[in-house]
């Protein structure tokens, strides 16, 4: 009953619509009309606008600022439900450090079961200093990895677009940051985070060692490559595959398979870049990139780097989708324990993650548009949390920023 990515051989069916409103200067993420179609399958047919729709959303507030930003997101969904004739049912479950404290494990079986049975999953943040010294199986981040694996989401979409309202918030010079519009497609369930063998040992000198395995199969690379080619096709037709094929065998296979899949997409300009060079180029000339596809660990690092070009990691949403089952939607920022509970968090990445949830997860285009336009309107009015504040703007906290978005949503009557 939940939305998911499908790779199919036809040209019909639905498609992923843009993340941002069509009247703004943002990328088109829609994917359709190709040999392999990435198609959204909503949990219910929404043909009759007058029919009241019902969805179950699993909320995973998590740790740090997670509960604060998820609270704002829940308020947004509740208001939208009343305005758009949608019934949202919520199941709030523990994950990460909160779950460790409550149950002794970072991902309780009940949490994963609730997530699987829902129409979509919204995650706040995971981790904190309190649990940093825990053994690996008892670290909050292990719960996140288990959640992704349990939901079988493999394609992580992380847009990085410099909004006109926030170009001055970027740490880069205006002429470098202005106009940046890229998408990082990250493989999410393979690579060194999941590869085996892994663990600790002792070498021939008696020194303790730690080891991990970076491993990918051809099928894992092929499926994420096809998703990336589809996204590039509906953007500007350029795909850069990032690897370390001059050193790593897993990257050699990665490049070999991406080149092979490229034969199915003769209209897409494919390039390759080593990850160290890509990290440098993202800062030197980020506008050269359109769509980036890369493995799990490289995507984790590069997407965070790309986010800072936009002005704040607190502005960027993400969607993680699989072959079936509910999608996982989350801001890409961390738990920020240093500001947790102080009403300083930026909730906009989580609010925009709700927009992705509505569009990609539930097929609710109108509601998603309403959120995005409300966020842009709030920024146009000059409201800023501390991470995106600049002289002349109005500094607000997490709760007030959420309230301002709610007011804008309520005032937007879309036809």
Protein backbone atom coordinates (compact mmCIF):
# COMPACT_ATOMS: atom_id res chain seq x y z
CA UNK A 1 0.00 0.00 0.00
CA UNK A 2 2.96 2.35 0.16
CA UNK A 3 4.82 4.33 -2.44
CA UNK A 4 7.95 2.90 -3.94
CA UNK A 5 10.34 3.07 -6.83
CA UNK A 6 9.67 0.70 -9.69
CA UNK A 7 12.02 -0.02 -12.58
CA UNK A 8 9.80 -1.09 -15.43
CA UNK A 9 10.25 -1.64 -19.12
CA UNK A 10 7.43 0.51 -20.43
CA UNK A 11 6.95 4.21 -21.00
CA UNK A 12 3.54 4.58 -19.39
CA UNK A 13 2.51 4.89 -15.79
CA UNK A 14 2.98 7.73 -13.34
CA UNK A 15 6.07 9.75 -12.64
CA UNK A 16 7.82 11.60 -9.86
CA UNK A 17 6.86 15.23 -9.97
CA UNK A 18 9.21 18.11 -9.18
CA UNK A 19 10.11 18.63 -5.55
CA UNK A 20 9.65 22.37 -5.91
CA UNK A 21 6.74 24.39 -7.38
CA UNK A 22 6.82 24.87 -11.12
CA UNK A 23 6.86 28.65 -10.84
CA UNK A 24 10.18 28.70 -9.01
CA UNK A 25 13.71 28.37 -10.29
CA UNK A 26 14.36 24.83 -9.13
CA UNK A 27 15.15 21.43 -10.62
CA UNK A 28 12.71 19.02 -12.25
CA UNK A 29 13.01 15.67 -10.51
CA UNK A 30 10.23 13.98 -12.51
CA UNK A 31 11.20 10.68 -14.09
CA UNK A 32 9.35 9.14 -17.00
CA UNK A 33 9.30 8.21 -20.70
CA UNK A 34 12.32 5.99 -20.90
CA UNK A 35 13.16 2.33 -21.25
CA UNK A 36 13.40 1.95 -17.50
CA UNK A 37 10.85 4.07 -15.69
CA UNK A 38 11.15 5.17 -12.12
CA UNK A 39 7.51 5.32 -11.18
CA UNK A 40 5.67 6.38 -8.07
CA UNK A 41 3.00 3.95 -6.95
CA UNK A 42 0.81 5.80 -4.43
CA UNK A 43 -0.84 3.87 -1.63
CA UNK A 44 -4.28 4.79 -2.87
CA UNK A 45 -5.81 6.08 -6.06
CA UNK A 46 -6.43 9.78 -5.58
CA UNK A 47 -8.53 10.26 -8.68
CA UNK A 48 -11.54 11.67 -6.90
CA UNK A 49 -10.52 14.93 -5.26
CA UNK A 50 -13.61 14.85 -3.07
CA UNK A 51 -12.84 11.43 -1.54
CA UNK A 52 -11.34 11.63 1.92
CA UNK A 53 -7.97 9.88 2.00
CA UNK A 54 -6.50 8.12 5.03
CA UNK A 55 -2.83 7.48 5.65
CA UNK A 56 -0.75 6.12 8.49
CA UNK A 57 2.55 7.89 9.11
CA UNK A 58 5.16 6.42 11.44
CA UNK A 59 6.96 9.23 13.25
CA UNK A 60 10.46 8.54 14.54
CA UNK A 61 11.54 11.69 16.41
CA UNK A 62 14.79 10.10 17.54
CA UNK A 63 17.42 12.13 19.37
CA UNK A 64 18.74 15.65 19.85
CA UNK A 65 16.71 18.17 17.87
CA UNK A 66 14.72 15.36 16.25
CA UNK A 67 11.68 15.65 18.55
CA UNK A 68 11.55 19.44 18.02
CA UNK A 69 11.58 19.34 14.23
CA UNK A 70 9.27 16.32 14.00
CA UNK A 71 6.78 18.13 16.24
CA UNK A 72 6.69 20.98 13.72
CA UNK A 73 6.31 18.51 10.87
CA UNK A 74 3.41 16.77 12.59
CA UNK A 75 1.66 20.13 13.05
CA UNK A 76 2.11 20.79 9.34
CA UNK A 77 0.57 17.44 8.42
CA UNK A 78 -2.35 17.93 10.79
CA UNK A 79 -3.13 21.35 9.34
CA UNK A 80 -2.83 20.07 5.80
CA UNK A 81 -5.16 17.22 6.63
CA UNK A 82 -7.87 19.64 7.72
CA UNK A 83 -7.36 21.81 4.63
CA UNK A 84 -7.00 19.02 2.06
CA UNK A 85 -9.60 16.56 3.39
CA UNK A 86 -6.98 14.00 4.43
CA UNK A 87 -6.98 11.88 7.57
CA UNK A 88 -3.47 11.32 8.93
CA UNK A 89 -2.98 8.71 11.58
CA UNK A 90 0.31 8.83 13.47
CA UNK A 91 2.33 6.16 15.23
CA UNK A 92 5.20 7.66 17.21
CA UNK A 93 7.91 5.12 17.92
CA UNK A 94 11.39 5.20 19.51
CA UNK A 95 14.59 4.81 17.52
CA UNK A 96 18.27 5.52 18.06
CA UNK A 97 19.40 6.75 21.45
CA UNK A 98 15.85 7.25 22.65
CA UNK A 99 15.15 3.58 21.91
CA UNK A 100 18.37 2.52 23.64
CA UNK A 101 17.32 4.33 26.79
CA UNK A 102 13.79 2.92 26.65
CA UNK A 103 14.37 -0.64 25.43
CA UNK A 104 18.10 -1.34 25.35
CA UNK A 105 18.34 -1.60 21.54
CA UNK A 106 18.58 1.15 18.88
CA UNK A 107 15.78 -0.28 16.70
CA UNK A 108 13.11 -2.18 18.63
CA UNK A 109 11.19 -4.84 16.70
CA UNK A 110 7.99 -2.93 17.38
CA UNK A 111 9.41 0.19 15.72
CA UNK A 112 10.42 -1.64 12.56
CA UNK A 113 7.08 -3.45 12.41
CA UNK A 114 5.17 -0.17 12.71
CA UNK A 115 7.34 1.40 10.00
CA UNK A 116 6.73 -1.49 7.60
CA UNK A 117 2.98 -1.35 8.16
CA UNK A 118 2.68 2.40 7.53
CA UNK A 119 2.26 4.37 4.33
CA UNK A 120 5.38 6.46 4.97
CA UNK A 121 8.04 6.98 7.64
CA UNK A 122 9.28 10.37 8.86
CA UNK A 123 12.54 10.40 10.81
CA UNK A 124 13.91 13.31 12.84
CA UNK A 125 17.54 12.66 13.80
CA UNK A 126 19.66 10.01 15.46
CA UNK A 127 22.70 10.11 17.74
CA UNK A 128 24.31 12.13 20.51
CA UNK A 129 27.33 12.41 22.76
CA UNK A 130 25.64 10.32 25.43
CA UNK A 131 25.97 7.13 23.40
CA UNK A 132 29.27 7.80 21.60
CA UNK A 133 31.21 5.27 23.68
CA UNK A 134 28.67 2.47 23.31
CA UNK A 135 29.67 -0.72 21.54
CA UNK A 136 28.72 -0.65 17.89
CA UNK A 137 25.58 -2.75 18.23
CA UNK A 138 24.39 -0.34 20.89
CA UNK A 139 25.08 2.89 19.02
CA UNK A 140 22.09 4.95 17.84
CA UNK A 141 23.43 5.02 14.28
CA UNK A 142 23.18 1.24 14.12
CA UNK A 143 19.44 1.66 14.49
CA UNK A 144 19.33 3.90 11.42
CA UNK A 145 21.29 1.40 9.34
CA UNK A 146 18.99 -1.38 10.52
CA UNK A 147 15.94 0.71 9.67
CA UNK A 148 17.13 1.36 6.12
CA UNK A 149 17.95 -2.30 5.66
CA UNK A 150 14.64 -3.39 7.16
CA UNK A 151 12.65 -1.12 4.85
CA UNK A 152 14.85 -2.17 1.93
CA UNK A 153 15.27 1.38 0.70
CA UNK A 154 18.24 1.59 -1.64
CA UNK A 155 17.97 4.92 -3.46
CA UNK A 156 18.63 8.08 -1.47
CA UNK A 157 17.79 11.34 -3.23
CA UNK A 158 19.48 14.42 -1.78
CA UNK A 159 18.90 17.69 -3.64
CA UNK A 160 21.21 20.65 -3.08
CA UNK A 161 19.78 23.82 -4.55
CA UNK A 162 20.79 27.34 -3.59
CA UNK A 163 17.53 29.18 -2.98
CA UNK A 164 17.55 32.81 -4.14
CA UNK A 165 16.52 33.92 -0.64
CA UNK A 166 19.53 32.21 0.94
CA UNK A 167 22.36 32.77 -1.51
CA UNK A 168 24.04 35.14 0.95
CA UNK A 169 23.94 32.44 3.65
CA UNK A 170 26.30 30.22 1.69
CA UNK A 171 29.87 30.04 2.97
CA UNK A 172 31.04 30.34 -0.64
CA UNK A 173 31.32 33.56 -2.60
CA UNK A 174 28.03 34.62 -4.14
CA UNK A 175 29.30 34.17 -7.68
CA UNK A 176 30.21 30.56 -6.86
CA UNK A 177 27.05 29.62 -4.97
CA UNK A 178 24.41 31.44 -7.02
CA UNK A 179 22.56 29.11 -9.36
CA UNK A 180 23.84 25.84 -7.87
CA UNK A 181 21.31 23.10 -8.53
CA UNK A 182 22.45 19.51 -8.15
CA UNK A 183 21.17 16.15 -6.98
CA UNK A 184 23.19 13.50 -5.18
CA UNK A 185 21.89 9.98 -5.77
CA UNK A 186 23.39 7.82 -3.06
CA UNK A 187 23.31 4.04 -2.91
CA UNK A 188 22.02 3.41 0.56
CA UNK A 189 22.06 -0.24 1.57
CA UNK A 190 25.37 -1.60 0.31
CA UNK A 191 29.05 -0.80 0.49
CA UNK A 192 31.28 -0.45 3.51
CA UNK A 193 28.46 0.31 5.97
CA UNK A 194 27.00 -3.15 5.42
CA UNK A 195 29.82 -5.23 3.92
CA UNK A 196 31.21 -8.31 5.66
CA UNK A 197 33.58 -9.38 7.08
CA UNK A 198 33.88 -6.57 9.57
CA UNK A 199 35.07 -6.36 13.13
CA UNK A 200 38.21 -6.31 15.23
CA UNK A 201 41.24 -8.55 15.28
CA UNK A 202 44.94 -8.73 16.02
CA UNK A 203 47.73 -8.54 13.46
CA UNK A 204 51.01 -10.45 13.36
CA UNK A 205 52.63 -7.83 15.60
CA UNK A 206 49.99 -8.20 18.27
CA UNK A 207 48.40 -4.85 17.49
CA UNK A 208 44.62 -4.57 17.64
CA UNK A 209 43.05 -3.98 14.22
CA UNK A 210 39.66 -2.82 12.97
CA UNK A 211 38.41 -3.79 9.53
CA UNK A 212 35.46 -3.21 7.23
CA UNK A 213 34.58 -4.44 3.75
CA UNK A 214 33.58 -2.27 0.81
CA UNK A 215 31.64 -4.64 -1.42
CA UNK A 216 29.08 -4.19 -4.22
CA UNK A 217 27.42 -6.63 -6.57
CA UNK A 218 26.68 -5.85 -10.21
CA UNK A 219 22.94 -5.83 -9.56
CA UNK A 220 23.29 -3.32 -6.72
CA UNK A 221 25.26 -0.94 -8.93
CA UNK A 222 22.95 -1.44 -11.90
CA UNK A 223 19.76 -0.54 -10.04
CA UNK A 224 21.12 2.67 -8.49
CA UNK A 225 22.74 3.64 -11.80
CA UNK A 226 19.40 3.35 -13.59
CA UNK A 227 17.73 5.56 -11.00
CA UNK A 228 20.49 8.15 -11.45
CA UNK A 229 20.29 8.08 -15.25
CA UNK A 230 16.52 8.59 -15.04
CA UNK A 231 16.97 11.59 -12.77
CA UNK A 232 19.65 13.07 -15.04
CA UNK A 233 17.36 12.59 -18.04
CA UNK A 234 14.69 14.74 -16.44
CA UNK A 235 17.14 17.38 -15.25
CA UNK A 236 19.89 18.68 -17.52
CA UNK A 237 21.09 15.43 -19.02
CA UNK A 238 24.43 15.18 -17.20
CA UNK A 239 25.48 12.44 -14.82
CA UNK A 240 28.77 12.30 -12.93
CA UNK A 241 29.63 8.95 -11.36
CA UNK A 242 31.95 9.37 -8.39
CA UNK A 243 34.25 6.51 -7.35
CA UNK A 244 37.84 5.66 -6.44
CA UNK A 245 38.50 3.30 -9.32
CA UNK A 246 42.23 4.02 -9.37
CA UNK A 247 42.61 2.23 -6.03
CA UNK A 248 39.53 0.24 -4.99
CA UNK A 249 38.33 -2.92 -6.70
CA UNK A 250 34.74 -2.21 -5.61
CA UNK A 251 35.01 1.12 -7.43
CA UNK A 252 36.45 -0.59 -10.49
CA UNK A 253 33.33 -2.75 -10.67
CA UNK A 254 31.19 0.32 -9.98
CA UNK A 255 32.66 2.20 -12.94
CA UNK A 256 32.45 -0.85 -15.21
CA UNK A 257 28.74 -1.32 -14.48
CA UNK A 258 27.87 2.38 -14.75
CA UNK A 259 29.53 2.47 -18.18
CA UNK A 260 27.56 -0.61 -19.19
CA UNK A 261 24.23 0.87 -18.05
CA UNK A 262 25.09 4.10 -19.87
CA UNK A 263 24.57 2.27 -23.17
CA UNK A 264 20.85 2.28 -22.33
CA UNK A 265 20.92 6.09 -22.03
CA UNK A 266 22.70 7.48 -25.11
CA UNK A 267 21.14 10.90 -24.50
CA UNK A 268 22.85 11.32 -21.12
CA UNK A 269 26.33 12.81 -20.88
CA UNK A 270 28.24 10.54 -18.49
CA UNK A 271 31.46 11.53 -16.76
CA UNK A 272 33.53 9.95 -14.01
CA UNK A 273 35.39 11.58 -11.15
CA UNK A 274 37.49 10.28 -8.29
CA UNK A 275 35.96 11.11 -4.93
CA UNK A 276 38.85 13.25 -3.68
CA UNK A 277 38.65 15.41 -6.80
CA UNK A 278 34.85 15.56 -6.53
CA UNK A 279 35.13 16.88 -2.98
CA UNK A 280 37.41 19.65 -4.24
CA UNK A 281 35.33 20.45 -7.33
CA UNK A 282 32.14 20.82 -5.28
CA UNK A 283 33.77 23.80 -3.60
CA UNK A 284 35.68 25.15 -6.59
CA UNK A 285 32.93 25.00 -9.22
CA UNK A 286 29.71 23.37 -7.95
CA UNK A 287 27.67 24.55 -10.96
CA UNK A 288 29.50 22.04 -13.16
CA UNK A 289 27.43 19.27 -11.53
CA UNK A 290 23.91 18.27 -12.45
CA UNK A 291 23.33 14.77 -11.08
CA UNK A 292 25.89 12.82 -9.06
CA UNK A 293 25.66 9.08 -8.42
CA UNK A 294 27.93 7.40 -5.94
CA UNK A 295 28.23 4.69 -3.33
CA UNK A 296 27.06 4.74 0.25
CA UNK A 297 30.02 6.24 2.10
CA UNK A 298 31.03 8.70 -0.63
CA UNK A 299 27.42 9.84 -0.96
CA UNK A 300 27.16 10.31 2.78
CA UNK A 301 30.15 12.66 2.76
CA UNK A 302 29.59 14.51 -0.52
CA UNK A 303 25.90 15.22 0.12
CA UNK A 304 26.77 16.85 3.45
CA UNK A 305 29.44 18.92 1.73
CA UNK A 306 27.00 19.93 -1.01
CA UNK A 307 24.45 20.94 1.59
CA UNK A 308 26.73 23.63 2.98
CA UNK A 309 26.91 25.27 -0.43
CA UNK A 310 23.21 25.98 -0.03
CA UNK A 311 23.71 27.90 3.21
CA UNK A 312 22.74 25.34 5.82
CA UNK A 313 22.40 21.62 6.23
CA UNK A 314 19.22 22.54 8.10
CA UNK A 315 17.47 23.35 4.82
CA UNK A 316 17.80 20.09 2.93
CA UNK A 317 15.35 17.17 2.83
CA UNK A 318 15.88 13.67 1.53
CA UNK A 319 13.88 10.70 0.34
CA UNK A 320 14.93 7.06 0.54
CA UNK A 321 12.91 4.70 -1.64
CA UNK A 322 12.98 1.00 -2.37
CA UNK A 323 11.46 -1.57 -4.68
CA UNK A 324 8.41 -1.90 -2.44
CA UNK A 325 7.08 -0.77 0.90
CA UNK A 326 7.02 2.66 2.55
CA UNK A 327 9.62 5.30 1.85
CA UNK A 328 11.80 6.86 4.54
CA UNK A 329 11.86 10.65 4.61
CA UNK A 330 14.26 12.66 6.74
CA UNK A 331 16.24 15.88 6.92
CA UNK A 332 19.89 15.30 6.23
CA UNK A 333 21.10 17.24 9.25
CA UNK A 334 22.23 15.41 12.35
CA UNK A 335 20.87 15.43 15.88
CA UNK A 336 22.79 18.61 16.88
CA UNK A 337 22.86 17.75 20.60
CA UNK A 338 24.60 21.04 21.38
CA UNK A 339 21.40 22.98 20.59
CA UNK A 340 18.81 20.33 21.46
CA UNK A 341 15.95 21.57 23.60
CA UNK A 342 16.90 25.25 23.14
CA UNK A 343 14.40 26.13 20.39
CA UNK A 344 17.29 26.90 18.00
CA UNK A 345 16.84 24.12 15.44
CA UNK A 346 15.87 24.85 11.85
CA UNK A 347 12.73 22.80 11.10
CA UNK A 348 12.56 23.63 7.39
CA UNK A 349 14.49 20.58 6.18
CA UNK A 350 12.01 18.38 8.04
CA UNK A 351 9.06 20.37 6.69
CA UNK A 352 10.42 19.98 3.17
CA UNK A 353 10.92 16.27 3.89
CA UNK A 354 7.19 16.18 4.60
CA UNK A 355 6.63 17.67 1.14
CA UNK A 356 8.73 14.87 -0.35
CA UNK A 357 6.76 12.37 1.73
CA UNK A 358 3.48 13.69 0.38
CA UNK A 359 4.64 13.78 -3.22
CA UNK A 360 6.83 10.69 -3.48
CA UNK A 361 5.22 8.64 -0.73
CA UNK A 362 1.53 9.38 -1.00
CA UNK A 363 0.97 10.98 -4.38
CA UNK A 364 -0.50 14.11 -2.76
CA UNK A 365 0.83 16.71 -5.19
CA UNK A 366 -1.37 19.61 -4.15
CA UNK A 367 -0.52 19.23 -0.47
CA UNK A 368 3.20 19.00 -1.28
CA UNK A 369 3.03 22.16 -3.39
CA UNK A 370 1.27 23.94 -0.58
CA UNK A 371 4.08 23.15 1.86
CA UNK A 372 6.87 24.18 -0.48
CA UNK A 373 5.25 27.46 -1.40
CA UNK A 374 4.63 28.22 2.27
CA UNK A 375 8.31 27.63 3.07
CA UNK A 376 9.42 29.94 0.25
CA UNK A 377 6.88 32.57 1.33
CA UNK A 378 8.16 32.39 4.91
CA UNK A 379 11.73 32.91 3.70
CA UNK A 380 10.59 35.76 1.44
CA UNK A 381 9.19 37.49 4.53
CA UNK A 382 12.66 37.42 6.08
CA UNK A 383 12.25 34.88 8.87
CA UNK A 384 15.45 32.99 9.66
CA UNK A 385 16.70 30.53 12.26
CA UNK A 386 20.24 31.04 13.50
CA UNK A 387 21.89 28.74 10.96
CA UNK A 388 20.66 30.82 8.02
CA UNK A 389 20.48 34.23 9.68
CA UNK A 390 21.96 37.31 8.05
CA UNK A 391 21.86 41.00 8.91
CA UNK A 392 18.51 42.60 8.28
CA UNK A 393 16.49 39.41 8.69
CA UNK A 394 14.30 38.40 11.64
CA UNK A 395 15.84 35.79 13.90
CA UNK A 396 13.31 33.22 15.11
CA UNK A 397 13.40 29.90 16.90
CA UNK A 398 12.27 26.48 15.80
CA UNK A 399 8.72 26.83 17.09
CA UNK A 400 8.14 30.29 15.65
CA UNK A 401 9.53 29.26 12.28
CA UNK A 402 7.09 26.37 12.31
CA UNK A 403 4.23 28.70 13.25
CA UNK A 404 5.13 31.05 10.40
CA UNK A 405 5.04 28.17 7.93
CA UNK A 406 1.65 27.08 9.32
CA UNK A 407 0.28 30.60 8.79
CA UNK A 408 1.54 30.61 5.22
CA UNK A 409 0.04 27.19 4.55
CA UNK A 410 -3.34 28.28 5.89
CA UNK A 411 -3.28 31.37 3.68
CA UNK A 412 -2.43 29.47 0.50
CA UNK A 413 -5.53 28.49 -1.44
CA UNK A 414 -4.35 26.45 -4.41
CA UNK A 415 -6.54 25.62 -7.38
